[in-house]
Amino acid sequence: MIVVGAQVSYVWLKPNAHDGWEEFEYEKFVAYRKAGRSMLIDFTADWCVNCITNEKRVYESEEILKVVRQKNIIMIRADITSASPRSAMLKRLRGKLGGNSIPYVAIFPGNQPDKPHVRSALVGFDDIKKLLEQCPDP
């Protein structure tokens, strides 16, 4: 229990390494896909400890951010913290991608926008890095 408490404290108190997250907007999502832009969409909620762990330990790590910058990947937060028509739409989108819980991430390669790579629960650093590295160069 102490280990979990220490991990949660570390995750919650660590400064945000990437302030370039965009909030999910359906129109932008469609436009980015049409433009061939690679995207990482993080389906998350403020109350989800595993979501926060993925964000801080994987998505916002310096190694991942280096790949994001090199590949010009757009990082999008699909926040379902509060019940609303918007969060209901995000849940439907996540469902269409095969997910029914969070954390859930979808990586849309710009050259194959109809074949996203999806992962759920706690994600592996090496797995996410490899998927991002496979995205096409800008």
N, C-alpha and C. Protein backbone atom coordinates (compact mmCIF):
# COMPACT_ATOMS: atom_id res chain seq x y z
N MET A 1 0.83 -1.19 0.00
CA MET A 1 0.00 0.00 0.00
C MET A 1 0.87 1.26 0.00
N ILE A 2 2.00 1.20 0.71
CA ILE A 2 2.89 2.36 0.74
C ILE A 2 3.46 2.62 -0.64
N VAL A 3 3.79 1.56 -1.37
CA VAL A 3 4.32 1.71 -2.73
C VAL A 3 3.30 2.39 -3.62
N VAL A 4 2.04 1.96 -3.54
CA VAL A 4 0.98 2.58 -4.34
C VAL A 4 0.85 4.05 -3.98
N GLY A 5 0.84 4.36 -2.69
CA GLY A 5 0.74 5.75 -2.24
C GLY A 5 1.90 6.59 -2.75
N ALA A 6 3.10 6.04 -2.70
CA ALA A 6 4.26 6.77 -3.20
C ALA A 6 4.17 6.99 -4.70
N GLN A 7 3.72 5.96 -5.43
CA GLN A 7 3.59 6.09 -6.88
C GLN A 7 2.55 7.14 -7.22
N VAL A 8 1.40 7.11 -6.56
CA VAL A 8 0.35 8.09 -6.83
C VAL A 8 0.84 9.49 -6.50
N SER A 9 1.54 9.65 -5.38
CA SER A 9 2.08 10.97 -5.01
C SER A 9 3.05 11.46 -6.07
N TYR A 10 3.94 10.59 -6.54
CA TYR A 10 4.89 10.96 -7.57
C TYR A 10 4.18 11.41 -8.83
N VAL A 11 3.19 10.63 -9.24
CA VAL A 11 2.46 10.92 -10.48
C VAL A 11 1.71 12.24 -10.35
N TRP A 12 1.07 12.48 -9.24
CA TRP A 12 0.25 13.67 -9.08
C TRP A 12 1.09 14.93 -8.90
N LEU A 13 2.27 14.80 -8.30
CA LEU A 13 3.06 15.98 -7.99
C LEU A 13 4.09 16.31 -9.06
N LYS A 14 4.40 15.37 -9.93
CA LYS A 14 5.39 15.62 -10.99
C LYS A 14 4.87 16.72 -11.92
N PRO A 15 5.69 17.70 -12.24
CA PRO A 15 5.23 18.76 -13.14
C PRO A 15 4.87 18.23 -14.52
N ASN A 16 3.92 18.89 -15.17
CA ASN A 16 3.49 18.52 -16.51
C ASN A 16 4.63 18.77 -17.49
N ALA A 17 5.08 17.72 -18.16
CA ALA A 17 6.21 17.84 -19.07
C ALA A 17 5.79 18.30 -20.47
N HIS A 18 4.51 18.27 -20.76
CA HIS A 18 4.06 18.60 -22.11
C HIS A 18 2.79 19.42 -22.01
N ASP A 19 2.87 20.69 -22.32
CA ASP A 19 1.68 21.52 -22.23
C ASP A 19 1.01 21.68 -23.58
N GLY A 20 1.40 20.86 -24.56
CA GLY A 20 0.85 20.98 -25.89
C GLY A 20 -0.34 20.08 -26.16
N TRP A 21 -0.94 19.50 -25.12
CA TRP A 21 -2.13 18.68 -25.32
C TRP A 21 -3.26 19.54 -25.85
N GLU A 22 -3.96 19.02 -26.83
CA GLU A 22 -5.18 19.67 -27.32
C GLU A 22 -6.37 18.93 -26.74
N GLU A 23 -7.43 19.67 -26.46
CA GLU A 23 -8.68 19.01 -26.05
C GLU A 23 -9.36 18.47 -27.30
N PHE A 24 -9.99 17.32 -27.18
CA PHE A 24 -10.63 16.69 -28.33
C PHE A 24 -11.75 17.57 -28.87
N GLU A 25 -11.70 17.81 -30.17
CA GLU A 25 -12.78 18.48 -30.91
C GLU A 25 -13.00 17.65 -32.16
N TYR A 26 -14.22 17.21 -32.35
CA TYR A 26 -14.51 16.29 -33.45
C TYR A 26 -14.11 16.86 -34.80
N GLU A 27 -14.40 18.13 -35.03
CA GLU A 27 -14.08 18.75 -36.33
C GLU A 27 -12.57 18.73 -36.59
N LYS A 28 -11.78 19.01 -35.55
CA LYS A 28 -10.32 18.97 -35.71
C LYS A 28 -9.85 17.54 -35.96
N PHE A 29 -10.44 16.59 -35.25
CA PHE A 29 -10.09 15.19 -35.43
C PHE A 29 -10.28 14.77 -36.89
N VAL A 30 -11.41 15.13 -37.47
CA VAL A 30 -11.70 14.81 -38.87
C VAL A 30 -10.70 15.51 -39.79
N ALA A 31 -10.45 16.78 -39.52
CA ALA A 31 -9.52 17.56 -40.36
C ALA A 31 -8.10 16.99 -40.30
N TYR A 32 -7.64 16.62 -39.10
CA TYR A 32 -6.30 16.04 -38.97
C TYR A 32 -6.20 14.72 -39.73
N ARG A 33 -7.24 13.90 -39.66
CA ARG A 33 -7.22 12.63 -40.40
C ARG A 33 -7.14 12.88 -41.89
N LYS A 34 -7.95 13.82 -42.39
CA LYS A 34 -7.94 14.13 -43.82
C LYS A 34 -6.60 14.69 -44.27
N ALA A 35 -5.94 15.43 -43.38
CA ALA A 35 -4.65 16.05 -43.71
C ALA A 35 -3.48 15.07 -43.56
N GLY A 36 -3.76 13.85 -43.10
CA GLY A 36 -2.68 12.87 -42.95
C GLY A 36 -1.82 13.11 -41.73
N ARG A 37 -2.36 13.73 -40.70
CA ARG A 37 -1.61 14.01 -39.48
C ARG A 37 -1.71 12.83 -38.52
N SER A 38 -0.61 12.46 -37.93
CA SER A 38 -0.60 11.42 -36.91
C SER A 38 -1.09 12.00 -35.60
N MET A 39 -1.87 11.19 -34.86
CA MET A 39 -2.45 11.65 -33.59
C MET A 39 -2.35 10.57 -32.54
N LEU A 40 -2.15 11.00 -31.31
CA LEU A 40 -2.30 10.15 -30.14
C LEU A 40 -3.50 10.71 -29.38
N ILE A 41 -4.54 9.91 -29.21
CA ILE A 41 -5.72 10.36 -28.49
C ILE A 41 -5.80 9.57 -27.19
N ASP A 42 -5.73 10.30 -26.08
CA ASP A 42 -5.77 9.72 -24.75
C ASP A 42 -7.16 9.90 -24.17
N PHE A 43 -7.93 8.81 -24.07
CA PHE A 43 -9.24 8.84 -23.43
C PHE A 43 -9.00 8.72 -21.94
N THR A 44 -9.38 9.73 -21.18
CA THR A 44 -8.96 9.86 -19.79
C THR A 44 -10.02 10.54 -18.95
N ALA A 45 -9.79 10.55 -17.65
CA ALA A 45 -10.64 11.28 -16.71
C ALA A 45 -9.78 11.68 -15.50
N ASP A 46 -10.10 12.79 -14.90
CA ASP A 46 -9.33 13.28 -13.75
C ASP A 46 -9.32 12.31 -12.59
N TRP A 47 -10.38 11.54 -12.42
CA TRP A 47 -10.51 10.63 -11.28
C TRP A 47 -9.84 9.28 -11.54
N CYS A 48 -9.29 9.06 -12.72
CA CYS A 48 -8.71 7.76 -13.10
C CYS A 48 -7.21 7.75 -12.81
N VAL A 49 -6.82 7.05 -11.75
CA VAL A 49 -5.41 7.00 -11.35
C VAL A 49 -4.56 6.35 -12.43
N ASN A 50 -5.04 5.27 -13.06
CA ASN A 50 -4.26 4.63 -14.12
C ASN A 50 -4.07 5.55 -15.32
N CYS A 51 -5.09 6.38 -15.61
CA CYS A 51 -4.97 7.35 -16.71
C CYS A 51 -3.84 8.34 -16.41
N ILE A 52 -3.83 8.84 -15.21
CA ILE A 52 -2.80 9.81 -14.81
C ILE A 52 -1.43 9.17 -14.84
N THR A 53 -1.36 7.92 -14.41
CA THR A 53 -0.09 7.20 -14.45
C THR A 53 0.41 7.07 -15.89
N ASN A 54 -0.47 6.69 -16.82
CA ASN A 54 -0.07 6.60 -18.23
C ASN A 54 0.43 7.94 -18.74
N GLU A 55 -0.29 9.00 -18.43
CA GLU A 55 0.10 10.33 -18.90
C GLU A 55 1.48 10.72 -18.39
N LYS A 56 1.69 10.61 -17.11
CA LYS A 56 2.93 11.09 -16.51
C LYS A 56 4.12 10.18 -16.76
N ARG A 57 3.90 8.86 -16.73
CA ARG A 57 5.03 7.93 -16.84
C ARG A 57 5.34 7.54 -18.27
N VAL A 58 4.37 7.69 -19.19
CA VAL A 58 4.59 7.28 -20.57
C VAL A 58 4.46 8.47 -21.51
N TYR A 59 3.24 8.98 -21.70
CA TYR A 59 2.99 9.99 -22.74
C TYR A 59 3.79 11.27 -22.54
N GLU A 60 4.06 11.64 -21.31
CA GLU A 60 4.76 12.90 -21.06
C GLU A 60 6.23 12.69 -20.68
N SER A 61 6.74 11.48 -20.90
CA SER A 61 8.17 11.24 -20.64
C SER A 61 8.98 11.94 -21.74
N GLU A 62 10.18 12.30 -21.42
CA GLU A 62 11.01 13.04 -22.38
C GLU A 62 11.28 12.23 -23.65
N GLU A 63 11.47 10.90 -23.52
CA GLU A 63 11.72 10.07 -24.70
C GLU A 63 10.52 10.04 -25.64
N ILE A 64 9.33 9.91 -25.08
CA ILE A 64 8.12 9.90 -25.90
C ILE A 64 7.92 11.27 -26.53
N LEU A 65 8.11 12.33 -25.75
CA LEU A 65 7.92 13.68 -26.29
C LEU A 65 8.92 13.98 -27.41
N LYS A 66 10.10 13.41 -27.33
CA LYS A 66 11.09 13.59 -28.40
C LYS A 66 10.55 13.00 -29.70
N VAL A 67 9.99 11.81 -29.64
CA VAL A 67 9.42 11.17 -30.83
C VAL A 67 8.22 11.99 -31.33
N VAL A 68 7.38 12.46 -30.40
CA VAL A 68 6.22 13.27 -30.76
C VAL A 68 6.66 14.51 -31.54
N ARG A 69 7.71 15.17 -31.05
CA ARG A 69 8.22 16.37 -31.74
C ARG A 69 8.82 16.01 -33.11
N GLN A 70 9.61 14.95 -33.16
CA GLN A 70 10.25 14.54 -34.42
C GLN A 70 9.22 14.17 -35.48
N LYS A 71 8.17 13.50 -35.08
CA LYS A 71 7.16 13.02 -36.01
C LYS A 71 5.99 14.00 -36.16
N ASN A 72 6.03 15.09 -35.40
CA ASN A 72 4.98 16.10 -35.45
C ASN A 72 3.60 15.49 -35.17
N ILE A 73 3.56 14.66 -34.13
CA ILE A 73 2.34 13.96 -33.74
C ILE A 73 1.50 14.89 -32.85
N ILE A 74 0.22 14.92 -33.11
CA ILE A 74 -0.69 15.74 -32.33
C ILE A 74 -1.17 14.91 -31.14
N MET A 75 -1.04 15.47 -29.95
CA MET A 75 -1.48 14.80 -28.73
C MET A 75 -2.81 15.41 -28.30
N ILE A 76 -3.83 14.55 -28.22
CA ILE A 76 -5.19 15.01 -27.93
C ILE A 76 -5.71 14.31 -26.69
N ARG A 77 -6.25 15.11 -25.79
CA ARG A 77 -6.86 14.57 -24.57
C ARG A 77 -8.37 14.51 -24.77
N ALA A 78 -8.92 13.31 -24.66
CA ALA A 78 -10.36 13.09 -24.77
C ALA A 78 -10.88 12.84 -23.35
N ASP A 79 -11.19 13.92 -22.65
CA ASP A 79 -11.52 13.89 -21.23
C ASP A 79 -13.00 13.61 -21.00
N ILE A 80 -13.27 12.54 -20.25
CA ILE A 80 -14.65 12.19 -19.92
C ILE A 80 -14.93 12.34 -18.43
N THR A 81 -14.21 13.24 -17.76
CA THR A 81 -14.35 13.42 -16.32
C THR A 81 -15.78 13.69 -15.90
N SER A 82 -16.44 14.62 -16.57
CA SER A 82 -17.81 15.00 -16.20
C SER A 82 -18.80 14.47 -17.22
N ALA A 83 -19.94 14.02 -16.72
CA ALA A 83 -21.00 13.56 -17.62
C ALA A 83 -21.56 14.75 -18.40
N SER A 84 -21.57 14.62 -19.71
CA SER A 84 -22.06 15.68 -20.58
C SER A 84 -22.31 15.08 -21.96
N PRO A 85 -22.99 15.83 -22.83
CA PRO A 85 -23.13 15.32 -24.21
C PRO A 85 -21.76 15.08 -24.87
N ARG A 86 -20.78 15.92 -24.57
CA ARG A 86 -19.44 15.78 -25.14
C ARG A 86 -18.79 14.48 -24.66
N SER A 87 -18.87 14.20 -23.35
CA SER A 87 -18.26 12.97 -22.85
C SER A 87 -19.01 11.74 -23.38
N ALA A 88 -20.33 11.86 -23.58
CA ALA A 88 -21.09 10.76 -24.18
C ALA A 88 -20.61 10.50 -25.61
N MET A 89 -20.33 11.56 -26.36
CA MET A 89 -19.80 11.41 -27.72
C MET A 89 -18.43 10.73 -27.69
N LEU A 90 -17.58 11.12 -26.73
CA LEU A 90 -16.25 10.52 -26.62
C LEU A 90 -16.36 9.03 -26.26
N LYS A 91 -17.32 8.69 -25.41
CA LYS A 91 -17.53 7.29 -25.06
C LYS A 91 -17.97 6.49 -26.28
N ARG A 92 -18.83 7.09 -27.11
CA ARG A 92 -19.27 6.40 -28.34
C ARG A 92 -18.09 6.20 -29.29
N LEU A 93 -17.26 7.22 -29.44
CA LEU A 93 -16.07 7.10 -30.30
C LEU A 93 -15.15 6.01 -29.77
N ARG A 94 -14.91 6.03 -28.47
CA ARG A 94 -14.06 4.99 -27.88
C ARG A 94 -14.66 3.61 -28.14
N GLY A 95 -15.96 3.49 -28.02
CA GLY A 95 -16.64 2.22 -28.30
C GLY A 95 -16.45 1.77 -29.74
N LYS A 96 -16.52 2.72 -30.68
CA LYS A 96 -16.30 2.38 -32.09
C LYS A 96 -14.88 1.89 -32.33
N LEU A 97 -13.96 2.33 -31.49
CA LEU A 97 -12.56 1.91 -31.60
C LEU A 97 -12.31 0.60 -30.86
N GLY A 98 -13.34 0.08 -30.19
CA GLY A 98 -13.21 -1.19 -29.50
C GLY A 98 -12.99 -1.09 -28.01
N GLY A 99 -13.06 0.11 -27.46
CA GLY A 99 -12.82 0.29 -26.03
C GLY A 99 -14.09 0.50 -25.25
N ASN A 100 -14.10 0.00 -24.02
CA ASN A 100 -15.27 0.23 -23.18
C ASN A 100 -14.90 0.73 -21.80
N SER A 101 -13.63 1.02 -21.58
CA SER A 101 -13.20 1.54 -20.29
C SER A 101 -12.00 2.46 -20.50
N ILE A 102 -11.59 3.10 -19.44
CA ILE A 102 -10.39 3.92 -19.48
C ILE A 102 -9.42 3.38 -18.44
N PRO A 103 -8.15 3.63 -18.60
CA PRO A 103 -7.51 4.38 -19.68
C PRO A 103 -7.60 3.64 -21.01
N TYR A 104 -7.61 4.44 -22.06
CA TYR A 104 -7.66 3.93 -23.42
C TYR A 104 -6.94 4.92 -24.31
N VAL A 105 -6.09 4.43 -25.19
CA VAL A 105 -5.35 5.31 -26.09
C VAL A 105 -5.49 4.78 -27.51
N ALA A 106 -5.61 5.72 -28.45
CA ALA A 106 -5.65 5.38 -29.87
C ALA A 106 -4.59 6.20 -30.58
N ILE A 107 -3.72 5.53 -31.31
CA ILE A 107 -2.69 6.20 -32.09
C ILE A 107 -3.06 6.03 -33.55
N PHE A 108 -3.33 7.17 -34.20
CA PHE A 108 -3.73 7.19 -35.60
C PHE A 108 -2.52 7.58 -36.44
N PRO A 109 -1.89 6.63 -37.16
CA PRO A 109 -0.79 7.00 -38.04
C PRO A 109 -1.33 7.83 -39.21
N GLY A 110 -0.65 8.89 -39.54
CA GLY A 110 -1.11 9.77 -40.61
C GLY A 110 -1.26 9.09 -41.95
N ASN A 111 -0.45 8.06 -42.20
CA ASN A 111 -0.52 7.36 -43.49
C ASN A 111 -1.54 6.22 -43.50
N GLN A 112 -2.12 5.91 -42.34
CA GLN A 112 -3.15 4.87 -42.24
C GLN A 112 -4.19 5.30 -41.19
N PRO A 113 -4.90 6.39 -41.44
CA PRO A 113 -5.81 6.92 -40.42
C PRO A 113 -6.99 6.02 -40.10
N ASP A 114 -7.27 5.05 -40.95
CA ASP A 114 -8.37 4.13 -40.69
C ASP A 114 -7.92 2.87 -39.97
N LYS A 115 -6.64 2.83 -39.58
CA LYS A 115 -6.10 1.66 -38.88
C LYS A 115 -5.37 2.11 -37.61
N PRO A 116 -6.14 2.66 -36.64
CA PRO A 116 -5.48 3.11 -35.41
C PRO A 116 -5.00 1.93 -34.57
N HIS A 117 -3.94 2.17 -33.83
CA HIS A 117 -3.43 1.21 -32.86
C HIS A 117 -4.05 1.60 -31.53
N VAL A 118 -4.67 0.66 -30.86
CA VAL A 118 -5.35 0.97 -29.60
C VAL A 118 -4.78 0.12 -28.47
N ARG A 119 -4.78 0.73 -27.29
CA ARG A 119 -4.33 0.04 -26.08
C ARG A 119 -5.23 0.48 -24.93
N SER A 120 -5.38 -0.41 -23.95
CA SER A 120 -6.18 -0.06 -22.78
C SER A 120 -5.40 -0.39 -21.51
N ALA A 121 -5.93 0.08 -20.40
CA ALA A 121 -5.34 -0.13 -19.08
C ALA A 121 -3.98 0.58 -19.00
N LEU A 122 -3.12 0.10 -18.14
CA LEU A 122 -1.78 0.67 -18.07
C LEU A 122 -1.02 0.25 -19.32
N VAL A 123 -0.40 1.20 -19.98
CA VAL A 123 0.29 0.91 -21.24
C VAL A 123 1.78 0.74 -21.01
N GLY A 124 2.41 0.02 -21.92
CA GLY A 124 3.85 -0.18 -21.84
C GLY A 124 4.59 0.94 -22.54
N PHE A 125 5.60 1.48 -21.90
CA PHE A 125 6.41 2.55 -22.46
C PHE A 125 6.99 2.14 -23.82
N ASP A 126 7.64 0.98 -23.86
CA ASP A 126 8.29 0.53 -25.11
C ASP A 126 7.28 0.33 -26.23
N ASP A 127 6.12 -0.20 -25.89
CA ASP A 127 5.07 -0.43 -26.89
C ASP A 127 4.59 0.90 -27.49
N ILE A 128 4.31 1.86 -26.66
CA ILE A 128 3.83 3.16 -27.15
C ILE A 128 4.91 3.86 -27.95
N LYS A 129 6.14 3.80 -27.47
CA LYS A 129 7.25 4.44 -28.21
C LYS A 129 7.39 3.82 -29.59
N LYS A 130 7.33 2.50 -29.68
CA LYS A 130 7.46 1.80 -30.96
C LYS A 130 6.33 2.22 -31.92
N LEU A 131 5.10 2.28 -31.40
CA LEU A 131 3.97 2.69 -32.25
C LEU A 131 4.14 4.11 -32.76
N LEU A 132 4.60 5.00 -31.91
CA LEU A 132 4.80 6.39 -32.33
C LEU A 132 5.94 6.50 -33.35
N GLU A 133 6.99 5.73 -33.13
CA GLU A 133 8.12 5.75 -34.08
C GLU A 133 7.71 5.24 -35.46
N GLN A 134 6.69 4.40 -35.51
CA GLN A 134 6.21 3.87 -36.79
C GLN A 134 5.35 4.87 -37.55
N CYS A 135 4.95 5.95 -36.90
CA CYS A 135 4.17 6.99 -37.60
C CYS A 135 5.05 7.61 -38.68
N PRO A 136 4.46 8.05 -39.77
CA PRO A 136 5.28 8.60 -40.85
C PRO A 136 5.93 9.93 -40.46
N ASP A 137 7.05 10.19 -41.09
CA ASP A 137 7.72 11.48 -40.87
C ASP A 137 6.86 12.59 -41.47
N PRO A 138 6.96 13.76 -40.89
CA PRO A 138 6.14 14.89 -41.40
C PRO A 138 6.56 15.34 -42.79
